[in-house]
């Protein structure tokens, strides 16, 4: 009985130590979430404005006709068949954040399976240790991978990464680029985001997105300088979409980890209560057994 009491007491101490750790991690994630959320909000304003500008550009391109556009970023919109797709995914560098990483990984697997049924070749490019580790362990090839960037978003490094993706697209090595990440919705929930970033104006089903077309159709001759400006704008557009995905994912990660650690802390508290009850019962049984033995000894001495 004594050994049993020692084991229960040891378990209680171990769970309490774990509870202290999860509580501390929750506080750290809460603090980091405040900064990441503020950064995500500011970045979202810029990203939304950039998207609005490109919607307007796409609508004007639809009006004037794609045959007047020589920018390679819009080339695949000219009814070109999609045979190769690059999927860029963003996961966390760390775990202990519930199903945050699993949601992104499952969506990537779903997209891969869906494209393969259509006879479309798929290549993966990943950011984040958890996603990279999963696909590497399952012997699924990752063409390009970067660790450490999702936990510390950097515009220059993310631009270098997406530039390699864009280079393959412009050289015809891939026909479409899809970005997948788990984004920040609010402090208690995240939302999966899947976006086709190349070619511009294409949705994830490989069809042209609806542009808000207004005004008269005007025939304009191709302009090299105009195409160069379009290329520069397109480059900036995909660079910022990549960077924003990292910031959005980081805020969502801290939100998910805060929830996971809060749940773990509560579960630890419940486990401590259950173990304490078991300890008290065992101790009571031990005391009762000792009293019975003492009484038996007294009776034997009479």
C-alpha atoms as a PDB file:
ATOM      1  CA  UNK A   1       0.000   0.000   0.000  1.00  0.00           C
ATOM      2  CA  UNK A   2       2.885   2.342   0.852  1.00  0.00           C
ATOM      3  CA  UNK A   3       4.412   1.884  -2.611  1.00  0.00           C
ATOM      4  CA  UNK A   4       1.036   2.627  -4.214  1.00  0.00           C
ATOM      5  CA  UNK A   5       0.770   5.905  -2.265  1.00  0.00           C
ATOM      6  CA  UNK A   6       4.283   6.907  -3.349  1.00  0.00           C
ATOM      7  CA  UNK A   7       3.472   6.180  -7.013  1.00  0.00           C
ATOM      8  CA  UNK A   8       0.277   8.252  -6.918  1.00  0.00           C
ATOM      9  CA  UNK A   9       2.072  11.118  -5.167  1.00  0.00           C
ATOM     10  CA  UNK A  10       4.828  10.971  -7.782  1.00  0.00           C
ATOM     11  CA  UNK A  11       2.239  11.113 -10.572  1.00  0.00           C
ATOM     12  CA  UNK A  12       0.546  14.109  -8.953  1.00  0.00           C
ATOM     13  CA  UNK A  13       3.885  15.942  -8.795  1.00  0.00           C
ATOM     14  CA  UNK A  14       4.641  15.094 -12.430  1.00  0.00           C
ATOM     15  CA  UNK A  15       1.227  16.280 -13.672  1.00  0.00           C
ATOM     16  CA  UNK A  16       1.526  19.499 -11.649  1.00  0.00           C
ATOM     17  CA  UNK A  17       4.908  20.211 -13.257  1.00  0.00           C
ATOM     18  CA  UNK A  18       3.371  19.590 -16.681  1.00  0.00           C
ATOM     19  CA  UNK A  19       0.504  21.925 -15.788  1.00  0.00           C
ATOM     20  CA  UNK A  20       2.989  24.673 -14.886  1.00  0.00           C
ATOM     21  CA  UNK A  21       4.677  24.211 -18.263  1.00  0.00           C
ATOM     22  CA  UNK A  22       1.433  24.306 -20.281  1.00  0.00           C
ATOM     23  CA  UNK A  23       0.230  27.360 -18.324  1.00  0.00           C
ATOM     24  CA  UNK A  24       3.504  29.156 -19.052  1.00  0.00           C
ATOM     25  CA  UNK A  25       3.308  28.213 -22.741  1.00  0.00           C
ATOM     26  CA  UNK A  26      -0.246  29.533 -22.897  1.00  0.00           C
ATOM     27  CA  UNK A  27       0.870  32.876 -21.454  1.00  0.00           C
ATOM     28  CA  UNK A  28       3.776  33.075 -23.903  1.00  0.00           C
ATOM     29  CA  UNK A  29       1.489  32.281 -26.865  1.00  0.00           C
ATOM     30  CA  UNK A  30      -1.052  34.857 -25.655  1.00  0.00           C
ATOM     31  CA  UNK A  31       1.665  37.498 -25.543  1.00  0.00           C
ATOM     32  CA  UNK A  32       3.017  36.546 -28.980  1.00  0.00           C
ATOM     33  CA  UNK A  33      -0.507  36.392 -30.411  1.00  0.00           C
ATOM     34  CA  UNK A  34      -1.139  40.039 -29.544  1.00  0.00           C
ATOM     35  CA  UNK A  35       1.873  41.143 -31.580  1.00  0.00           C
ATOM     36  CA  UNK A  36       1.209  38.718 -34.445  1.00  0.00           C
ATOM     37  CA  UNK A  37      -2.481  39.670 -34.569  1.00  0.00           C
ATOM     38  CA  UNK A  38      -1.642  43.364 -34.810  1.00  0.00           C
ATOM     39  CA  UNK A  39       0.885  42.665 -37.576  1.00  0.00           C
ATOM     40  CA  UNK A  40      -1.644  40.469 -39.410  1.00  0.00           C
ATOM     41  CA  UNK A  41      -4.308  43.194 -39.237  1.00  0.00           C
ATOM     42  CA  UNK A  42      -1.966  45.828 -40.682  1.00  0.00           C
ATOM     43  CA  UNK A  43      -0.751  43.434 -43.381  1.00  0.00           C
ATOM     44  CA  UNK A  44      -4.331  42.425 -44.229  1.00  0.00           C
ATOM     45  CA  UNK A  45      -5.235  46.032 -45.025  1.00  0.00           C
ATOM     46  CA  UNK A  46      -2.353  46.287 -47.485  1.00  0.00           C
ATOM     47  CA  UNK A  47      -3.036  42.813 -48.935  1.00  0.00           C
ATOM     48  CA  UNK A  48      -6.732  43.590 -49.478  1.00  0.00           C
ATOM     49  CA  UNK A  49      -5.871  46.893 -51.166  1.00  0.00           C
ATOM     50  CA  UNK A  50      -3.346  45.128 -53.390  1.00  0.00           C
ATOM     51  CA  UNK A  51      -5.963  42.499 -54.298  1.00  0.00           C
ATOM     52  CA  UNK A  52      -8.478  45.236 -55.143  1.00  0.00           C
ATOM     53  CA  UNK A  53      -5.955  46.888 -57.437  1.00  0.00           C
ATOM     54  CA  UNK A  54      -5.312  43.621 -59.239  1.00  0.00           C
ATOM     55  CA  UNK A  55      -9.023  42.911 -59.589  1.00  0.00           C
ATOM     56  CA  UNK A  56      -9.310  46.279 -61.306  1.00  0.00           C
ATOM     57  CA  UNK A  57      -6.304  45.494 -63.533  1.00  0.00           C
ATOM     58  CA  UNK A  58      -7.772  42.095 -64.445  1.00  0.00           C
ATOM     59  CA  UNK A  59     -11.119  43.653 -65.315  1.00  0.00           C
ATOM     60  CA  UNK A  60      -9.405  46.111 -67.666  1.00  0.00           C
ATOM     61  CA  UNK A  61      -7.368  43.293 -69.218  1.00  0.00           C
ATOM     62  CA  UNK A  62     -10.609  41.363 -69.833  1.00  0.00           C
ATOM     63  CA  UNK A  63     -12.062  44.466 -71.530  1.00  0.00           C
ATOM     64  CA  UNK A  64      -9.152  45.072 -73.854  1.00  0.00           C
ATOM     65  CA  UNK A  65      -8.546  41.377 -74.590  1.00  0.00           C
ATOM     66  CA  UNK A  66      -5.757  39.044 -73.551  1.00  0.00           C
ATOM     67  CA  UNK A  67      -4.315  39.029 -77.057  1.00  0.00           C
ATOM     68  CA  UNK A  68      -3.015  42.548 -76.360  1.00  0.00           C
ATOM     69  CA  UNK A  69      -1.118  41.411 -73.245  1.00  0.00           C
ATOM     70  CA  UNK A  70       2.410  40.040 -73.570  1.00  0.00           C
ATOM     71  CA  UNK A  71       3.104  39.662 -69.845  1.00  0.00           C
ATOM     72  CA  UNK A  72       4.016  36.056 -69.075  1.00  0.00           C
ATOM     73  CA  UNK A  73       2.242  36.271 -65.714  1.00  0.00           C
ATOM     74  CA  UNK A  74      -1.083  36.311 -67.574  1.00  0.00           C
ATOM     75  CA  UNK A  75      -0.107  33.887 -70.363  1.00  0.00           C
ATOM     76  CA  UNK A  76      -1.831  30.793 -69.010  1.00  0.00           C
ATOM     77  CA  UNK A  77      -5.181  32.591 -69.009  1.00  0.00           C
ATOM     78  CA  UNK A  78      -5.270  32.315 -72.783  1.00  0.00           C
ATOM     79  CA  UNK A  79      -7.153  28.982 -72.625  1.00  0.00           C
ATOM     80  CA  UNK A  80      -3.923  27.056 -72.073  1.00  0.00           C
ATOM     81  CA  UNK A  81      -4.325  23.547 -70.667  1.00  0.00           C
ATOM     82  CA  UNK A  82      -2.918  23.046 -67.173  1.00  0.00           C
ATOM     83  CA  UNK A  83      -0.679  19.979 -67.013  1.00  0.00           C
ATOM     84  CA  UNK A  84       1.643  20.788 -64.088  1.00  0.00           C
ATOM     85  CA  UNK A  85       0.828  22.410 -60.738  1.00  0.00           C
ATOM     86  CA  UNK A  86       3.090  23.576 -57.929  1.00  0.00           C
ATOM     87  CA  UNK A  87       1.541  23.526 -54.436  1.00  0.00           C
ATOM     88  CA  UNK A  88       3.209  25.831 -51.926  1.00  0.00           C
ATOM     89  CA  UNK A  89       2.250  25.015 -48.328  1.00  0.00           C
ATOM     90  CA  UNK A  90       2.978  26.812 -45.053  1.00  0.00           C
ATOM     91  CA  UNK A  91       3.060  24.962 -41.719  1.00  0.00           C
ATOM     92  CA  UNK A  92       4.569  25.787 -38.328  1.00  0.00           C
ATOM     93  CA  UNK A  93       8.147  25.080 -37.289  1.00  0.00           C
ATOM     94  CA  UNK A  94       6.923  23.868 -33.882  1.00  0.00           C
ATOM     95  CA  UNK A  95       4.217  21.555 -32.625  1.00  0.00           C
ATOM     96  CA  UNK A  96       1.973  21.615 -29.534  1.00  0.00           C
ATOM     97  CA  UNK A  97      -0.657  23.612 -31.404  1.00  0.00           C
ATOM     98  CA  UNK A  98      -3.484  21.080 -31.748  1.00  0.00           C
ATOM     99  CA  UNK A  99      -4.530  20.168 -35.266  1.00  0.00           C
ATOM    100  CA  UNK A 100      -3.111  23.365 -36.778  1.00  0.00           C
ATOM    101  CA  UNK A 101      -0.505  21.655 -38.978  1.00  0.00           C
ATOM    102  CA  UNK A 102      -2.622  18.557 -39.679  1.00  0.00           C
ATOM    103  CA  UNK A 103      -5.361  20.659 -41.320  1.00  0.00           C
ATOM    104  CA  UNK A 104      -2.917  22.137 -43.853  1.00  0.00           C
ATOM    105  CA  UNK A 105      -1.264  18.772 -44.542  1.00  0.00           C
ATOM    106  CA  UNK A 106      -4.636  17.061 -45.108  1.00  0.00           C
ATOM    107  CA  UNK A 107      -5.662  19.770 -47.594  1.00  0.00           C
ATOM    108  CA  UNK A 108      -2.387  19.418 -49.500  1.00  0.00           C
ATOM    109  CA  UNK A 109      -2.895  15.638 -49.695  1.00  0.00           C
ATOM    110  CA  UNK A 110      -6.465  16.179 -50.900  1.00  0.00           C
ATOM    111  CA  UNK A 111      -5.335  18.589 -53.627  1.00  0.00           C
ATOM    112  CA  UNK A 112      -2.569  16.227 -54.731  1.00  0.00           C
ATOM    113  CA  UNK A 113      -5.023  13.317 -54.996  1.00  0.00           C
ATOM    114  CA  UNK A 114      -7.565  15.484 -56.838  1.00  0.00           C
ATOM    115  CA  UNK A 115      -5.049  16.722 -59.411  1.00  0.00           C
ATOM    116  CA  UNK A 116      -3.648  13.239 -59.980  1.00  0.00           C
ATOM    117  CA  UNK A 117      -7.119  11.906 -60.813  1.00  0.00           C
ATOM    118  CA  UNK A 118      -7.260  14.602 -63.505  1.00  0.00           C
ATOM    119  CA  UNK A 119      -3.879  13.528 -64.879  1.00  0.00           C
ATOM    120  CA  UNK A 120      -2.147  16.698 -63.670  1.00  0.00           C
ATOM    121  CA  UNK A 121       1.424  16.443 -62.377  1.00  0.00           C
ATOM    122  CA  UNK A 122       1.950  17.960 -58.915  1.00  0.00           C
ATOM    123  CA  UNK A 123       5.123  19.286 -57.285  1.00  0.00           C
ATOM    124  CA  UNK A 124       5.340  20.338 -53.627  1.00  0.00           C
ATOM    125  CA  UNK A 125       7.200  23.299 -52.160  1.00  0.00           C
ATOM    126  CA  UNK A 126       7.097  23.728 -48.395  1.00  0.00           C
ATOM    127  CA  UNK A 127       7.736  26.227 -45.625  1.00  0.00           C
ATOM    128  CA  UNK A 128       7.741  25.011 -42.020  1.00  0.00           C
ATOM    129  CA  UNK A 129       9.483  22.094 -40.287  1.00  0.00           C
ATOM    130  CA  UNK A 130       6.299  20.192 -39.386  1.00  0.00           C
ATOM    131  CA  UNK A 131       4.963  19.911 -42.925  1.00  0.00           C
ATOM    132  CA  UNK A 132       8.407  19.166 -44.349  1.00  0.00           C
ATOM    133  CA  UNK A 133       8.976  16.460 -41.723  1.00  0.00           C
ATOM    134  CA  UNK A 134       5.619  14.821 -42.501  1.00  0.00           C
ATOM    135  CA  UNK A 135       6.142  14.584 -46.259  1.00  0.00           C
ATOM    136  CA  UNK A 136       9.792  13.566 -45.869  1.00  0.00           C
ATOM    137  CA  UNK A 137       8.830  10.786 -43.446  1.00  0.00           C
ATOM    138  CA  UNK A 138       6.170   9.542 -45.885  1.00  0.00           C
ATOM    139  CA  UNK A 139       8.713   9.658 -48.735  1.00  0.00           C
ATOM    140  CA  UNK A 140       6.792  12.319 -50.656  1.00  0.00           C
ATOM    141  CA  UNK A 141       9.207  14.482 -52.633  1.00  0.00           C
ATOM    142  CA  UNK A 142       9.408  18.191 -51.806  1.00  0.00           C
ATOM    143  CA  UNK A 143      10.993  20.210 -54.599  1.00  0.00           C
ATOM    144  CA  UNK A 144      11.878  23.247 -52.477  1.00  0.00           C
ATOM    145  CA  UNK A 145      11.775  23.523 -48.690  1.00  0.00           C
ATOM    146  CA  UNK A 146      12.558  26.225 -46.142  1.00  0.00           C
ATOM    147  CA  UNK A 147      12.650  25.821 -42.349  1.00  0.00           C
ATOM    148  CA  UNK A 148      12.639  28.638 -39.813  1.00  0.00           C
ATOM    149  CA  UNK A 149      10.767  31.104 -42.009  1.00  0.00           C
ATOM    150  CA  UNK A 150       7.233  30.436 -40.746  1.00  0.00           C
ATOM    151  CA  UNK A 151       8.240  31.103 -37.123  1.00  0.00           C
ATOM    152  CA  UNK A 152      10.038  34.308 -38.096  1.00  0.00           C
ATOM    153  CA  UNK A 153       8.544  35.800 -41.309  1.00  0.00           C
ATOM    154  CA  UNK A 154      11.017  37.836 -43.346  1.00  0.00           C
ATOM    155  CA  UNK A 155       9.970  39.694 -46.501  1.00  0.00           C
ATOM    156  CA  UNK A 156      13.342  39.317 -48.245  1.00  0.00           C
ATOM    157  CA  UNK A 157      13.621  35.574 -47.578  1.00  0.00           C
ATOM    158  CA  UNK A 158       9.987  34.898 -48.525  1.00  0.00           C
ATOM    159  CA  UNK A 159      10.502  36.930 -51.725  1.00  0.00           C
ATOM    160  CA  UNK A 160      13.542  34.812 -52.594  1.00  0.00           C
ATOM    161  CA  UNK A 161      11.510  31.648 -52.048  1.00  0.00           C
ATOM    162  CA  UNK A 162       8.516  32.727 -54.154  1.00  0.00           C
ATOM    163  CA  UNK A 163      10.878  34.132 -56.819  1.00  0.00           C
ATOM    164  CA  UNK A 164      12.148  30.584 -57.427  1.00  0.00           C
ATOM    165  CA  UNK A 165       8.540  29.440 -57.806  1.00  0.00           C
ATOM    166  CA  UNK A 166       7.750  32.291 -60.233  1.00  0.00           C
ATOM    167  CA  UNK A 167      10.914  31.554 -62.225  1.00  0.00           C
ATOM    168  CA  UNK A 168       9.758  27.977 -62.862  1.00  0.00           C
ATOM    169  CA  UNK A 169       6.340  29.283 -63.874  1.00  0.00           C
ATOM    170  CA  UNK A 170       7.765  31.845 -66.292  1.00  0.00           C
ATOM    171  CA  UNK A 171      10.058  29.207 -67.815  1.00  0.00           C
ATOM    172  CA  UNK A 172       7.093  26.902 -68.403  1.00  0.00           C
ATOM    173  CA  UNK A 173       8.118  24.250 -65.865  1.00  0.00           C
ATOM    174  CA  UNK A 174       4.730  24.613 -64.164  1.00  0.00           C
ATOM    175  CA  UNK A 175       1.357  25.942 -65.314  1.00  0.00           C
ATOM    176  CA  UNK A 176      -0.217  26.957 -62.004  1.00  0.00           C
ATOM    177  CA  UNK A 177       0.895  27.791 -58.454  1.00  0.00           C
ATOM    178  CA  UNK A 178      -1.403  27.224 -55.469  1.00  0.00           C
ATOM    179  CA  UNK A 179      -0.715  28.575 -51.988  1.00  0.00           C
ATOM    180  CA  UNK A 180      -2.110  26.636 -48.988  1.00  0.00           C
ATOM    181  CA  UNK A 181      -1.948  27.766 -45.363  1.00  0.00           C
ATOM    182  CA  UNK A 182      -3.978  27.820 -42.151  1.00  0.00           C
ATOM    183  CA  UNK A 183      -4.895  31.454 -41.537  1.00  0.00           C
ATOM    184  CA  UNK A 184      -5.975  33.608 -38.616  1.00  0.00           C
ATOM    185  CA  UNK A 185      -9.718  34.216 -38.260  1.00  0.00           C
ATOM    186  CA  UNK A 186      -9.965  35.299 -34.618  1.00  0.00           C
ATOM    187  CA  UNK A 187      -8.445  34.401 -31.253  1.00  0.00           C
ATOM    188  CA  UNK A 188     -10.402  31.184 -30.960  1.00  0.00           C
ATOM    189  CA  UNK A 189     -10.522  29.925 -34.533  1.00  0.00           C
ATOM    190  CA  UNK A 190      -8.450  29.544 -37.689  1.00  0.00           C
ATOM    191  CA  UNK A 191      -9.473  29.096 -41.323  1.00  0.00           C
ATOM    192  CA  UNK A 192      -7.855  27.128 -44.101  1.00  0.00           C
ATOM    193  CA  UNK A 193      -6.902  29.299 -47.075  1.00  0.00           C
ATOM    194  CA  UNK A 194      -6.262  27.938 -50.571  1.00  0.00           C
ATOM    195  CA  UNK A 195      -5.379  30.448 -53.258  1.00  0.00           C
ATOM    196  CA  UNK A 196      -4.113  30.227 -56.827  1.00  0.00           C
ATOM    197  CA  UNK A 197      -1.456  32.941 -57.125  1.00  0.00           C
ATOM    198  CA  UNK A 198      -0.200  32.102 -60.619  1.00  0.00           C
ATOM    199  CA  UNK A 199      -1.317  32.704 -63.269  1.00  0.00           C
ATOM    200  CA  UNK A 200      -2.978  35.883 -62.103  1.00  0.00           C
ATOM    201  CA  UNK A 201      -6.755  35.784 -62.315  1.00  0.00           C
ATOM    202  CA  UNK A 202      -7.078  31.986 -62.137  1.00  0.00           C
ATOM    203  CA  UNK A 203      -8.983  30.194 -59.352  1.00  0.00           C
ATOM    204  CA  UNK A 204      -8.004  26.810 -57.892  1.00  0.00           C
ATOM    205  CA  UNK A 205     -10.258  24.952 -60.324  1.00  0.00           C
ATOM    206  CA  UNK A 206      -8.194  26.175 -63.255  1.00  0.00           C
ATOM    207  CA  UNK A 207     -10.854  28.561 -64.546  1.00  0.00           C
ATOM    208  CA  UNK A 208     -10.756  32.309 -64.985  1.00  0.00           C
ATOM    209  CA  UNK A 209     -11.911  34.277 -61.988  1.00  0.00           C
ATOM    210  CA  UNK A 210     -14.802  36.647 -62.535  1.00  0.00           C
ATOM    211  CA  UNK A 211     -13.592  40.158 -63.191  1.00  0.00           C
ATOM    212  CA  UNK A 212     -15.697  43.242 -62.619  1.00  0.00           C
ATOM    213  CA  UNK A 213     -15.749  44.548 -66.136  1.00  0.00           C
ATOM    214  CA  UNK A 214     -17.008  48.056 -66.823  1.00  0.00           C
ATOM    215  CA  UNK A 215     -16.550  50.570 -69.571  1.00  0.00           C
ATOM    216  CA  UNK A 216     -16.316  50.299 -73.356  1.00  0.00           C
ATOM    217  CA  UNK A 217     -14.141  47.801 -75.149  1.00  0.00           C
ATOM    218  CA  UNK A 218     -11.177  49.635 -76.607  1.00  0.00           C
ATOM    219  CA  UNK A 219      -8.596  48.049 -78.888  1.00  0.00           C
ATOM    220  CA  UNK A 220      -5.075  48.956 -77.773  1.00  0.00           C
ATOM    221  CA  UNK A 221      -1.830  47.957 -79.439  1.00  0.00           C
ATOM    222  CA  UNK A 222       0.654  45.959 -77.331  1.00  0.00           C
ATOM    223  CA  UNK A 223       3.031  48.198 -75.348  1.00  0.00           C
ATOM    224  CA  UNK A 224       6.394  46.849 -74.110  1.00  0.00           C
ATOM    225  CA  UNK A 225       6.642  49.466 -71.371  1.00  0.00           C
ATOM    226  CA  UNK A 226       3.126  48.674 -70.177  1.00  0.00           C
ATOM    227  CA  UNK A 227       3.910  44.935 -70.113  1.00  0.00           C
ATOM    228  CA  UNK A 228       7.046  45.660 -68.070  1.00  0.00           C
ATOM    229  CA  UNK A 229       4.968  47.607 -65.522  1.00  0.00           C
ATOM    230  CA  UNK A 230       2.479  44.725 -65.387  1.00  0.00           C
ATOM    231  CA  UNK A 231       5.329  42.274 -64.745  1.00  0.00           C
ATOM    232  CA  UNK A 232       6.654  44.430 -61.890  1.00  0.00           C
ATOM    233  CA  UNK A 233       3.203  44.760 -60.342  1.00  0.00           C
ATOM    234  CA  UNK A 234       2.605  41.035 -60.705  1.00  0.00           C
ATOM    235  CA  UNK A 235       5.957  40.273 -59.055  1.00  0.00           C
ATOM    236  CA  UNK A 236       5.103  42.557 -56.139  1.00  0.00           C
ATOM    237  CA  UNK A 237       1.646  40.990 -55.891  1.00  0.00           C
ATOM    238  CA  UNK A 238       2.876  37.393 -55.535  1.00  0.00           C
ATOM    239  CA  UNK A 239       5.718  38.455 -53.198  1.00  0.00           C
ATOM    240  CA  UNK A 240       3.358  40.146 -50.793  1.00  0.00           C
ATOM    241  CA  UNK A 241       0.819  37.299 -50.980  1.00  0.00           C
ATOM    242  CA  UNK A 242       3.590  34.930 -49.890  1.00  0.00           C
ATOM    243  CA  UNK A 243       4.723  37.222 -47.076  1.00  0.00           C
ATOM    244  CA  UNK A 244       1.172  37.830 -45.887  1.00  0.00           C
ATOM    245  CA  UNK A 245       0.534  34.054 -45.827  1.00  0.00           C
ATOM    246  CA  UNK A 246       3.488  33.692 -43.438  1.00  0.00           C
ATOM    247  CA  UNK A 247       2.247  36.446 -41.114  1.00  0.00           C
ATOM    248  CA  UNK A 248      -1.330  35.153 -41.261  1.00  0.00           C
ATOM    249  CA  UNK A 249      -0.140  31.614 -40.539  1.00  0.00           C
ATOM    250  CA  UNK A 250       2.014  32.750 -37.593  1.00  0.00           C
ATOM    251  CA  UNK A 251      -0.926  34.550 -35.948  1.00  0.00           C
ATOM    252  CA  UNK A 252      -3.100  31.468 -36.476  1.00  0.00           C
ATOM    253  CA  UNK A 253      -0.358  29.245 -35.029  1.00  0.00           C
ATOM    254  CA  UNK A 254      -0.144  31.286 -31.810  1.00  0.00           C
ATOM    255  CA  UNK A 255      -3.936  31.259 -31.564  1.00  0.00           C
ATOM    256  CA  UNK A 256      -4.052  27.469 -31.990  1.00  0.00           C
ATOM    257  CA  UNK A 257      -1.210  26.921 -29.498  1.00  0.00           C
ATOM    258  CA  UNK A 258      -2.876  29.208 -26.930  1.00  0.00           C
ATOM    259  CA  UNK A 259      -6.068  27.131 -27.193  1.00  0.00           C
ATOM    260  CA  UNK A 260      -4.167  23.831 -27.092  1.00  0.00           C
ATOM    261  CA  UNK A 261      -2.166  24.844 -23.999  1.00  0.00           C
ATOM    262  CA  UNK A 262      -5.305  26.161 -22.293  1.00  0.00           C
ATOM    263  CA  UNK A 263      -7.025  22.816 -22.884  1.00  0.00           C
ATOM    264  CA  UNK A 264      -3.914  20.937 -21.699  1.00  0.00           C
ATOM    265  CA  UNK A 265      -3.765  23.030 -18.516  1.00  0.00           C
ATOM    266  CA  UNK A 266      -7.415  22.325 -17.754  1.00  0.00           C
ATOM    267  CA  UNK A 267      -6.982  18.611 -18.452  1.00  0.00           C
ATOM    268  CA  UNK A 268      -3.941  18.530 -16.163  1.00  0.00           C
ATOM    269  CA  UNK A 269      -5.991  20.183 -13.416  1.00  0.00           C
ATOM    270  CA  UNK A 270      -8.721  17.565 -13.780  1.00  0.00           C
ATOM    271  CA  UNK A 271      -6.130  14.769 -13.720  1.00  0.00           C
ATOM    272  CA  UNK A 272      -4.570  16.197 -10.531  1.00  0.00           C
ATOM    273  CA  UNK A 273      -8.008  16.236  -8.887  1.00  0.00           C
ATOM    274  CA  UNK A 274      -8.654  12.601  -9.887  1.00  0.00           C
ATOM    275  CA  UNK A 275      -5.220  11.512  -8.679  1.00  0.00           C
ATOM    276  CA  UNK A 276      -5.686  13.411  -5.398  1.00  0.00           C
ATOM    277  CA  UNK A 277      -8.981  11.604  -4.811  1.00  0.00           C
ATOM    278  CA  UNK A 278      -7.266   8.276  -5.554  1.00  0.00           C
ATOM    279  CA  UNK A 279      -4.424   9.223  -3.191  1.00  0.00           C
ATOM    280  CA  UNK A 280      -6.830  10.147  -0.375  1.00  0.00           C
ATOM    281  CA  UNK A 281      -8.770   6.916  -0.839  1.00  0.00           C
ATOM    282  CA  UNK A 282      -5.588   4.846  -0.810  1.00  0.00           C
ATOM    283  CA  UNK A 283      -4.330   6.706   2.268  1.00  0.00           C
ATOM    284  CA  UNK A 284      -7.659   6.156   4.030  1.00  0.00           C
ATOM    285  CA  UNK A 285      -7.531   2.460   3.192  1.00  0.00           C
ATOM    286  CA  UNK A 286      -3.978   2.303   4.521  1.00  0.00           C
ATOM    287  CA  UNK A 287      -4.965   3.965   7.814  1.00  0.00           C
ATOM    288  CA  UNK A 288      -7.987   1.681   8.169  1.00  0.00           C
ATOM    289  CA  UNK A 289      -5.822  -1.380   7.548  1.00  0.00           C
ATOM    290  CA  UNK A 290      -3.323  -0.235  10.201  1.00  0.00           C
ATOM    291  CA  UNK A 291      -6.119   0.349  12.760  1.00  0.00           C
ATOM    292  CA  UNK A 292      -7.542  -3.109  12.078  1.00  0.00           C
ATOM    293  CA  UNK A 293      -4.106  -4.660  12.537  1.00  0.00           C
ATOM    294  CA  UNK A 294      -3.561  -2.756  15.826  1.00  0.00           C
ATOM    295  CA  UNK A 295      -6.954  -3.846  17.154  1.00  0.00           C
ATOM    296  CA  UNK A 296      -6.229  -7.433  16.152  1.00  0.00           C
ATOM    297  CA  UNK A 297      -2.909  -7.290  17.991  1.00  0.00           C
ATOM    298  CA  UNK A 298      -4.534  -5.893  21.157  1.00  0.00           C
ATOM    299  CA  UNK A 299      -7.170  -8.606  21.062  1.00  0.00           C
ATOM    300  CA  UNK A 300      -4.491 -11.275  20.635  1.00  0.00           C
ATOM    301  CA  UNK A 301      -2.634 -10.026  23.734  1.00  0.00           C
ATOM    302  CA  UNK A 302      -5.683 -10.374  26.014  1.00  0.00           C
END
